C-alpha atoms as a PDB file:
ATOM      1  CA  MET A   1      14.277  55.174   0.680  1.00  0.00           C
ATOM      2  CA  VAL A   2      16.878  52.991  -1.275  1.00  0.00           C
ATOM      3  CA  ILE A   3      15.127  48.652  -1.720  1.00  0.00           C
ATOM      4  CA  LYS A   4      18.081  47.490   0.739  1.00  0.00           C
ATOM      5  CA  ASP A   5      16.959  50.924   3.535  1.00  0.00           C
ATOM      6  CA  TRP A   6      13.155  49.337   2.795  1.00  0.00           C
ATOM      7  CA  ILE A   7      13.951  45.438   3.514  1.00  0.00           C
ATOM      8  CA  GLU A   8      15.933  46.322   5.839  1.00  0.00           C
ATOM      9  CA  GLN A   9      12.031  47.625   7.355  1.00  0.00           C
ATOM     10  CA  GLN A  10      10.250  45.221   6.528  1.00  0.00           C
ATOM     11  CA  GLU A  11      12.338  43.500   9.607  1.00  0.00           C
ATOM     12  CA  LEU A  12      11.634  46.129  11.485  1.00  0.00           C
ATOM     13  CA  SER A  13       8.080  45.944  11.038  1.00  0.00           C
ATOM     14  CA  GLY A  14       7.848  42.344  12.007  1.00  0.00           C
ATOM     15  CA  ARG A  15       7.837  40.775   8.053  1.00  0.00           C
ATOM     16  CA  SER A  16       9.695  37.616   8.369  1.00  0.00           C
ATOM     17  CA  THR A  17       8.925  37.252   4.168  1.00  0.00           C
ATOM     18  CA  PHE A  18       8.492  39.524   1.100  1.00  0.00           C
ATOM     19  CA  SER A  19       7.490  39.005  -2.582  1.00  0.00           C
ATOM     20  CA  ASN A  20       8.608  40.940  -6.070  1.00  0.00           C
ATOM     21  CA  LYS A  21       4.963  42.174  -5.928  1.00  0.00           C
ATOM     22  CA  MET A  22       5.391  44.155  -2.574  1.00  0.00           C
ATOM     23  CA  LEU A  23       8.298  45.470  -4.441  1.00  0.00           C
ATOM     24  CA  LYS A  24       6.771  47.011  -7.286  1.00  0.00           C
ATOM     25  CA  GLU A  25       4.468  48.397  -4.893  1.00  0.00           C
ATOM     26  CA  ALA A  26       6.784  49.379  -3.126  1.00  0.00           C
ATOM     27  CA  PHE A  27       8.892  51.299  -6.074  1.00  0.00           C
ATOM     28  CA  PRO A  28       6.412  51.799  -9.065  1.00  0.00           C
ATOM     29  CA  ASN A  29       9.188  53.758 -10.295  1.00  0.00           C
ATOM     30  CA  LYS A  30      12.219  51.283 -10.634  1.00  0.00           C
ATOM     31  CA  SER A  31      11.837  48.937 -13.349  1.00  0.00           C
ATOM     32  CA  MET A  32      11.875  45.634 -12.745  1.00  0.00           C
ATOM     33  CA  GLN A  33      15.734  44.788 -14.075  1.00  0.00           C
ATOM     34  CA  VAL A  34      16.979  47.403 -11.190  1.00  0.00           C
ATOM     35  CA  ILE A  35      15.058  45.638  -8.221  1.00  0.00           C
ATOM     36  CA  LYS A  36      16.188  42.047  -9.848  1.00  0.00           C
ATOM     37  CA  ASN A  37      19.740  43.424  -9.550  1.00  0.00           C
ATOM     38  CA  ASN A  38      19.334  44.939  -6.394  1.00  0.00           C
ATOM     39  CA  LEU A  39      17.860  41.497  -4.403  1.00  0.00           C
ATOM     40  CA  TYR A  40      20.399  39.479  -6.422  1.00  0.00           C
ATOM     41  CA  ARG A  41      23.397  42.318  -4.059  1.00  0.00           C
ATOM     42  CA  GLN A  42      21.518  41.546  -1.381  1.00  0.00           C
ATOM     43  CA  ASN A  43      21.300  38.024  -2.229  1.00  0.00           C
ATOM     44  CA  ARG A  44      25.109  37.931  -2.126  1.00  0.00           C
ATOM     45  CA  ALA A  45      25.587  40.389   0.663  1.00  0.00           C
ATOM     46  CA  GLY A  46      23.575  37.029   2.986  1.00  0.00           C
ATOM     47  CA  ASN A  47      20.228  39.495   3.570  1.00  0.00           C
ATOM     48  CA  ILE A  48      18.089  37.499   1.965  1.00  0.00           C
ATOM     49  CA  VAL A  49      17.036  33.921   0.377  1.00  0.00           C
ATOM     50  CA  SER A  50      14.901  32.567  -2.125  1.00  0.00           C
ATOM     51  CA  PRO A  51      13.456  29.485  -1.806  1.00  0.00           C
ATOM     52  CA  TYR A  52      10.956  30.160  -4.412  1.00  0.00           C
ATOM     53  CA  ARG A  53      10.992  32.389  -7.416  1.00  0.00           C
ATOM     54  CA  SER A  54       9.452  35.913  -6.674  1.00  0.00           C
ATOM     55  CA  PHE A  55       9.574  34.878  -2.315  1.00  0.00           C
ATOM     56  CA  TYR A  56      12.212  36.268   0.069  1.00  0.00           C
ATOM     57  CA  VAL A  57      13.080  35.566   2.908  1.00  0.00           C
ATOM     58  CA  ILE A  58      15.040  37.794   5.616  1.00  0.00           C
ATOM     59  CA  VAL A  59      17.531  36.658   6.677  1.00  0.00           C
ATOM     60  CA  PRO A  60      18.245  36.840  10.731  1.00  0.00           C
ATOM     61  CA  PRO A  61      21.464  37.398  12.234  1.00  0.00           C
ATOM     62  CA  HIS A  62      21.010  33.667  13.759  1.00  0.00           C
ATOM     63  CA  TYR A  63      21.335  31.609  10.754  1.00  0.00           C
ATOM     64  CA  LYS A  64      23.591  34.642   8.348  1.00  0.00           C
ATOM     65  CA  LEU A  65      26.554  32.396   9.754  1.00  0.00           C
ATOM     66  CA  LYS A  66      25.195  29.350   8.151  1.00  0.00           C
ATOM     67  CA  GLY A  67      24.379  31.002   5.331  1.00  0.00           C
ATOM     68  CA  VAL A  68      20.270  29.163   5.355  1.00  0.00           C
ATOM     69  CA  VAL A  69      16.982  29.444   6.558  1.00  0.00           C
ATOM     70  CA  PRO A  70      15.352  26.295   8.053  1.00  0.00           C
ATOM     71  CA  PRO A  71      11.612  26.166   5.935  1.00  0.00           C
ATOM     72  CA  TYR A  72       9.885  26.126  10.001  1.00  0.00           C
ATOM     73  CA  TYR A  73      10.981  30.053   9.426  1.00  0.00           C
ATOM     74  CA  TYR A  74       9.289  30.705   6.575  1.00  0.00           C
ATOM     75  CA  ILE A  75       7.030  28.379   5.435  1.00  0.00           C
ATOM     76  CA  ASN A  76       3.965  29.269   6.681  1.00  0.00           C
ATOM     77  CA  GLN A  77       4.507  32.499   4.878  1.00  0.00           C
ATOM     78  CA  LEU A  78       5.069  30.241   1.157  1.00  0.00           C
ATOM     79  CA  MET A  79       2.392  28.589   1.212  1.00  0.00           C
ATOM     80  CA  LYS A  80       0.321  31.478   1.510  1.00  0.00           C
ATOM     81  CA  PHE A  81       1.997  33.105  -1.475  1.00  0.00           C
ATOM     82  CA  LEU A  82       1.282  29.751  -3.129  1.00  0.00           C
ATOM     83  CA  ASN A  83      -1.952  29.674  -2.205  1.00  0.00           C
ATOM     84  CA  LYS A  84      -1.429  25.586  -1.329  1.00  0.00           C
ATOM     85  CA  PRO A  85      -3.338  23.577   2.396  1.00  0.00           C
ATOM     86  CA  TYR A  86       0.582  22.190   3.192  1.00  0.00           C
ATOM     87  CA  TYR A  87       1.795  19.815   6.122  1.00  0.00           C
ATOM     88  CA  ILE A  88       4.752  19.384   7.404  1.00  0.00           C
ATOM     89  CA  SER A  89       5.520  15.791   7.557  1.00  0.00           C
ATOM     90  CA  LEU A  90       7.626  12.589   7.080  1.00  0.00           C
ATOM     91  CA  TYR A  91      10.561  12.884   8.926  1.00  0.00           C
ATOM     92  CA  SER A  92      10.314  16.475   9.106  1.00  0.00           C
ATOM     93  CA  ALA A  93       7.715  16.084  11.076  1.00  0.00           C
ATOM     94  CA  ALA A  94       8.747  13.483  13.208  1.00  0.00           C
ATOM     95  CA  GLU A  95      11.425  16.100  14.307  1.00  0.00           C
ATOM     96  CA  LEU A  96       8.990  17.780  15.629  1.00  0.00           C
ATOM     97  CA  HIS A  97       6.970  14.743  18.095  1.00  0.00           C
ATOM     98  CA  GLY A  98      10.595  14.153  18.793  1.00  0.00           C
ATOM     99  CA  ALA A  99      12.131  12.144  16.721  1.00  0.00           C
ATOM    100  CA  ALA A 100      14.254  13.563  16.075  1.00  0.00           C
ATOM    101  CA  HIS A 101      17.350  10.432  15.877  1.00  0.00           C
ATOM    102  CA  GLN A 102      18.444  11.141  11.789  1.00  0.00           C
ATOM    103  CA  ARG A 103      18.352  14.624  10.991  1.00  0.00           C
ATOM    104  CA  PRO A 104      18.749  15.087   7.174  1.00  0.00           C
ATOM    105  CA  GLN A 105      19.102  18.383   4.862  1.00  0.00           C
ATOM    106  CA  ARG A 106      15.619  18.919   3.553  1.00  0.00           C
ATOM    107  CA  TYR A 107      12.786  18.867   5.067  1.00  0.00           C
ATOM    108  CA  CYS A 108       9.371  17.136   4.055  1.00  0.00           C
ATOM    109  CA  VAL A 109       6.188  19.332   3.204  1.00  0.00           C
ATOM    110  CA  THR A 110       3.471  17.470   1.813  1.00  0.00           C
ATOM    111  CA  THR A 111       0.739  19.558  -0.250  1.00  0.00           C
ATOM    112  CA  ILE A 112      -2.313  19.450  -3.284  1.00  0.00           C
ATOM    113  CA  PRO A 113      -1.408  19.309  -7.194  1.00  0.00           C
ATOM    114  CA  PRO A 114       0.084  21.052  -8.905  1.00  0.00           C
ATOM    115  CA  LYS A 115       3.334  20.000  -9.035  1.00  0.00           C
ATOM    116  CA  ILE A 116       6.088  23.775  -7.694  1.00  0.00           C
ATOM    117  CA  LYS A 117       8.283  24.418  -9.806  1.00  0.00           C
ATOM    118  CA  GLU A 118      11.223  24.357  -7.638  1.00  0.00           C
ATOM    119  CA  THR A 119      14.310  26.636  -7.979  1.00  0.00           C
ATOM    120  CA  LYS A 120      17.599  25.790  -8.049  1.00  0.00           C
ATOM    121  CA  SER A 121      18.554  27.842  -5.348  1.00  0.00           C
ATOM    122  CA  LYS A 122      20.859  26.030  -2.578  1.00  0.00           C
ATOM    123  CA  SER A 123      18.173  28.089  -0.188  1.00  0.00           C
ATOM    124  CA  ASN A 124      15.572  25.435  -1.545  1.00  0.00           C
ATOM    125  CA  LEU A 125      15.562  22.503   1.262  1.00  0.00           C
ATOM    126  CA  ILE A 126      11.826  21.412   0.723  1.00  0.00           C
ATOM    127  CA  ASN A 127      10.714  17.486  -0.272  1.00  0.00           C
ATOM    128  CA  TRP A 128       6.932  18.122  -1.425  1.00  0.00           C
ATOM    129  CA  ILE A 129       5.173  15.861  -1.200  1.00  0.00           C
ATOM    130  CA  TYR A 130       1.579  16.199  -3.094  1.00  0.00           C
ATOM    131  CA  VAL A 131      -1.236  14.322  -1.801  1.00  0.00           C
ATOM    132  CA  GLU A 132      -4.752  14.616  -3.578  1.00  0.00           C
ATOM    133  CA  ARG A 133      -6.443  16.401  -0.181  1.00  0.00           C
ATOM    134  CA  ILE A 134      -5.483  17.294   3.064  1.00  0.00           C
ATOM    135  CA  PRO A 135      -6.383  15.221   5.406  1.00  0.00           C
ATOM    136  CA  GLN A 136      -7.380  18.140   8.211  1.00  0.00           C
ATOM    137  CA  LYS A 137      -8.063  16.460  10.887  1.00  0.00           C
ATOM    138  CA  TYR A 138      -5.224  14.809  12.037  1.00  0.00           C
ATOM    139  CA  ILE A 139      -2.757  18.165  11.485  1.00  0.00           C
ATOM    140  CA  ASP A 140      -1.899  19.456  14.308  1.00  0.00           C
ATOM    141  CA  LYS A 141      -0.309  23.583  14.997  1.00  0.00           C
ATOM    142  CA  LYS A 142       2.683  24.926  16.837  1.00  0.00           C
ATOM    143  CA  ASN A 143       4.124  28.865  16.901  1.00  0.00           C
ATOM    144  CA  SER A 144       7.654  28.719  15.794  1.00  0.00           C
ATOM    145  CA  GLU A 145       9.681  32.207  15.257  1.00  0.00           C
ATOM    146  CA  THR A 146       7.457  33.945  12.766  1.00  0.00           C
ATOM    147  CA  SER A 147       4.006  32.496  12.593  1.00  0.00           C
ATOM    148  CA  GLU A 148       2.301  28.528  13.649  1.00  0.00           C
ATOM    149  CA  ILE A 149       3.327  25.667  11.014  1.00  0.00           C
ATOM    150  CA  LEU A 150       0.974  23.053  10.483  1.00  0.00           C
ATOM    151  CA  PHE A 151       2.575  19.496  10.937  1.00  0.00           C
ATOM    152  CA  SER A 152       1.347  15.955  10.589  1.00  0.00           C
ATOM    153  CA  ASN A 153      -0.116  14.442  14.154  1.00  0.00           C
ATOM    154  CA  PRO A 154       2.257  11.393  15.045  1.00  0.00           C
ATOM    155  CA  GLU A 155       0.000   8.510  14.154  1.00  0.00           C
ATOM    156  CA  LEU A 156      -0.548  10.689  10.573  1.00  0.00           C
ATOM    157  CA  THR A 157       3.457  11.107  10.231  1.00  0.00           C
ATOM    158  CA  ALA A 158       3.772   7.035  11.070  1.00  0.00           C
ATOM    159  CA  LEU A 159       1.361   6.062   8.338  1.00  0.00           C
ATOM    160  CA  ASP A 160       2.915   8.459   5.369  1.00  0.00           C
ATOM    161  CA  LEU A 161       6.196   7.335   6.569  1.00  0.00           C
ATOM    162  CA  VAL A 162       5.548   3.957   5.439  1.00  0.00           C
ATOM    163  CA  GLN A 163       3.206   5.547   2.812  1.00  0.00           C
ATOM    164  CA  HIS A 164       5.846   7.133   0.798  1.00  0.00           C
ATOM    165  CA  GLU A 165       8.644   4.737   1.858  1.00  0.00           C
ATOM    166  CA  ARG A 166      11.173   5.678  -0.657  1.00  0.00           C
ATOM    167  CA  VAL A 167      10.498   9.210   0.218  1.00  0.00           C
ATOM    168  CA  ALA A 168      11.418   8.389   4.480  1.00  0.00           C
ATOM    169  CA  GLY A 169      14.738   6.983   3.353  1.00  0.00           C
ATOM    170  CA  GLY A 170      13.453   3.163   3.513  1.00  0.00           C
ATOM    171  CA  LEU A 171      11.191   1.289   5.515  1.00  0.00           C
ATOM    172  CA  SER A 172      14.522   0.974   7.472  1.00  0.00           C
ATOM    173  CA  ASN A 173      15.496   4.694   8.022  1.00  0.00           C
ATOM    174  CA  VAL A 174      11.663   4.436   8.618  1.00  0.00           C
ATOM    175  CA  SER A 175      11.302   1.705  11.513  1.00  0.00           C
ATOM    176  CA  THR A 176      14.850   3.232  13.408  1.00  0.00           C
ATOM    177  CA  ILE A 177      11.914   6.391  13.505  1.00  0.00           C
ATOM    178  CA  LEU A 178       8.957   4.833  14.327  1.00  0.00           C
ATOM    179  CA  ILE A 179      11.052   4.039  17.459  1.00  0.00           C
ATOM    180  CA  GLU A 180      11.304   7.032  19.222  1.00  0.00           C
ATOM    181  CA  LEU A 181       8.073   8.260  17.125  1.00  0.00           C
ATOM    182  CA  CYS A 182       6.346   5.618  19.046  1.00  0.00           C
ATOM    183  CA  GLU A 183       6.550   6.938  21.984  1.00  0.00           C
ATOM    184  CA  VAL A 184       3.853   9.403  21.059  1.00  0.00           C
ATOM    185  CA  THR A 185       1.938   7.922  18.357  1.00  0.00           C
ATOM    186  CA  ASP A 186      -1.670   6.123  19.563  1.00  0.00           C
ATOM    187  CA  PHE A 187      -3.233   4.799  16.920  1.00  0.00           C
ATOM    188  CA  THR A 188      -6.740   4.258  19.047  1.00  0.00           C
ATOM    189  CA  LYS A 189      -7.211   8.184  17.110  1.00  0.00           C
ATOM    190  CA  ILE A 190      -7.719   7.166  13.402  1.00  0.00           C
ATOM    191  CA  SER A 191     -10.831   5.886  12.767  1.00  0.00           C
ATOM    192  CA  ASP A 192     -12.297   4.733   8.833  1.00  0.00           C
ATOM    193  CA  ASP A 193     -11.686   8.269   7.120  1.00  0.00           C
ATOM    194  CA  ILE A 194      -8.232   7.603   7.455  1.00  0.00           C
ATOM    195  CA  LEU A 195      -8.239   5.436   4.502  1.00  0.00           C
ATOM    196  CA  GLU A 196      -9.616   8.632   2.795  1.00  0.00           C
ATOM    197  CA  TYR A 197      -5.653   9.643   2.190  1.00  0.00           C
ATOM    198  CA  ILE A 198      -3.906   5.979   3.145  1.00  0.00           C
ATOM    199  CA  ASN A 199      -4.234   2.946   1.760  1.00  0.00           C
ATOM    200  CA  ILE A 200      -5.200  -0.286   3.683  1.00  0.00           C
ATOM    201  CA  THR A 201      -1.823  -1.735   2.249  1.00  0.00           C
ATOM    202  CA  THR A 202       0.587   1.499   4.652  1.00  0.00           C
ATOM    203  CA  ILE A 203      -1.536   0.112   7.888  1.00  0.00           C
ATOM    204  CA  GLN A 204      -0.891  -3.394   6.808  1.00  0.00           C
ATOM    205  CA  ARG A 205       2.763  -2.468   6.615  1.00  0.00           C
ATOM    206  CA  LEU A 206       2.700   0.428   9.885  1.00  0.00           C
ATOM    207  CA  GLY A 207       1.397  -2.936  11.564  1.00  0.00           C
ATOM    208  CA  TYR A 208       3.992  -5.609  10.423  1.00  0.00           C
ATOM    209  CA  ILE A 209       6.657  -3.452  11.324  1.00  0.00           C
ATOM    210  CA  LEU A 210       5.463  -2.044  14.917  1.00  0.00           C
ATOM    211  CA  ASP A 211       4.650  -6.239  15.352  1.00  0.00           C
ATOM    212  CA  VAL A 212       7.449  -7.873  13.880  1.00  0.00           C
ATOM    213  CA  ILE A 213      10.839  -5.727  13.809  1.00  0.00           C
ATOM    214  CA  ILE A 214      10.003  -2.932  16.773  1.00  0.00           C
ATOM    215  CA  ASP A 215       8.751  -4.418  19.193  1.00  0.00           C
ATOM    216  CA  GLN A 216       5.531  -2.380  20.060  1.00  0.00           C
ATOM    217  CA  LYS A 217       2.937  -5.215  19.891  1.00  0.00           C
ATOM    218  CA  GLU A 218       0.381  -3.602  21.704  1.00  0.00           C
ATOM    219  CA  GLN A 219       0.101  -0.888  19.158  1.00  0.00           C
ATOM    220  CA  ALA A 220      -0.086  -3.124  16.254  1.00  0.00           C
ATOM    221  CA  GLU A 221      -2.627  -4.876  18.139  1.00  0.00           C
ATOM    222  CA  VAL A 222      -4.902  -1.644  17.396  1.00  0.00           C
ATOM    223  CA  LEU A 223      -4.254  -1.600  13.860  1.00  0.00           C
ATOM    224  CA  TYR A 224      -4.854  -5.450  13.704  1.00  0.00           C
ATOM    225  CA  ALA A 225      -8.238  -5.164  14.624  1.00  0.00           C
ATOM    226  CA  PHE A 226      -9.371  -2.240  12.454  1.00  0.00           C
ATOM    227  CA  LEU A 227      -7.893  -4.387   9.790  1.00  0.00           C
ATOM    228  CA  LYS A 228     -10.127  -7.001  10.716  1.00  0.00           C
ATOM    229  CA  GLN A 229     -13.157  -5.021  10.495  1.00  0.00           C
ATOM    230  CA  ARG A 230     -12.301  -4.948   6.980  1.00  0.00           C
ATOM    231  CA  PRO A 231     -11.230  -8.054   6.123  1.00  0.00           C
ATOM    232  CA  LYS A 232     -13.140  -7.593   2.854  1.00  0.00           C
ATOM    233  CA  ALA A 233     -10.241  -4.969   1.811  1.00  0.00           C
ATOM    234  CA  ILE A 234      -7.055  -7.121   2.533  1.00  0.00           C
ATOM    235  CA  ARG A 235      -4.848  -8.731   0.106  1.00  0.00           C
ATOM    236  CA  PHE A 236      -1.763 -10.111   0.029  1.00  0.00           C
ATOM    237  CA  ARG A 237       0.821  -7.174  -1.051  1.00  0.00           C
ATOM    238  CA  GLN A 238       4.395  -6.972  -0.831  1.00  0.00           C
ATOM    239  CA  LEU A 239       5.911  -5.716   1.553  1.00  0.00           C
ATOM    240  CA  SER A 240       8.570  -2.956  -0.110  1.00  0.00           C
ATOM    241  CA  LYS A 241       7.485  -1.097  -2.532  1.00  0.00           C
ATOM    242  CA  MET A 242      11.464   0.007  -3.337  1.00  0.00           C
ATOM    243  CA  HIS A 243      12.255  -3.835  -4.128  1.00  0.00           C
ATOM    244  CA  PRO A 244      11.427  -6.870  -6.455  1.00  0.00           C
ATOM    245  CA  PRO A 245       8.280  -8.890  -5.056  1.00  0.00           C
ATOM    246  CA  VAL A 246       8.917 -12.341  -4.320  1.00  0.00           C
ATOM    247  CA  THR A 247       5.978 -15.206  -3.229  1.00  0.00           C
ATOM    248  CA  THR A 248       8.128 -17.220  -1.430  1.00  0.00           C
ATOM    249  CA  GLN A 249       8.382 -15.562   2.550  1.00  0.00           C
ATOM    250  CA  ARG A 250       4.742 -14.433   4.024  1.00  0.00           C
ATOM    251  CA  ASP A 251       4.171 -13.244   6.621  1.00  0.00           C
ATOM    252  CA  ILE A 252      -0.021 -14.331   7.814  1.00  0.00           C
ATOM    253  CA  LYS A 253      -0.749 -12.547  10.063  1.00  0.00           C
ATOM    254  CA  TRP A 254      -0.330  -9.506   8.264  1.00  0.00           C
ATOM    255  CA  LYS A 255      -0.826 -10.460   4.799  1.00  0.00           C
ATOM    256  CA  LEU A 256       2.515  -9.693   3.660  1.00  0.00           C
ATOM    257  CA  PHE A 257       5.367 -11.075   1.130  1.00  0.00           C
ATOM    258  CA  ILE A 258       8.579 -10.410   2.590  1.00  0.00           C
ATOM    259  CA  ASN A 259      10.572  -8.700  -0.207  1.00  0.00           C
ATOM    260  CA  THR A 260      13.196  -6.884   1.533  1.00  0.00           C
ATOM    261  CA  GLU A 261      15.080  -7.369   5.319  1.00  0.00           C
ATOM    262  CA  ILE A 262      14.178  -4.949   7.967  1.00  0.00           C
ATOM    263  CA  GLN A 263      16.912  -3.228   9.675  1.00  0.00           C
ATOM    264  CA  PRO A 264      16.880  -0.132  11.951  1.00  0.00           C
ATOM    265  CA  ASP A 265      19.967   1.222  13.764  1.00  0.00           C
ATOM    266  CA  ASP A 266      20.379   0.795  17.223  1.00  0.00           C
ATOM    267  CA  ILE A 267      18.958   4.332  18.758  1.00  0.00           C
END
């Protein structure tokens, strides 16, 4: 059996990914250079892509014309290969919850350090976000084409969008996403343990956006009640981490200095 036939056999057996190690075990008499040459030809032919070094995705027919495979198709297998916990996050998780006003070409995945060595391949479509721990209580699951995938629940998604505003494209973009995401959020589901993963300033900022910017006052009041139970933890902070600090304009209720103007897109 040649490597091309072996790859086809994997696909027929229901496997969507493989690694260099698997190939070496299947072809112990072939040198690594010969294996790499074969993989290069398969990649050029559009039969496989390599989103991470030594890890390959077998391209199904419906993605061949596009030339890329969305990470939803293989993320679970990749993270098992890397031996890292993860969840799909930010605007990518929002899309899974139905908030798909904007669809960036890259996908957000949250995991733990150390940082993953990214490849320069065009098939590398992932923005990695790093946290110390994964908040398992706030993770949802669903089936993809090939396996189960993990993604943040609506409440964690909203908080992550604000906490990682730079990755999410700024607070105006975050607010646009929240307009749709708030159709499925229920902030009564968050409890004290969320503060192990999300800083309290993020809750202040999210509350302000819900209350003042997108007129989700009922949901904002849930967050305000959460904050009122922890008065000693609340300090005046800047609304945005991406803009210069100010002290002239402030919101007393949410204890924020308003250092940027937030303008969500019309939905």
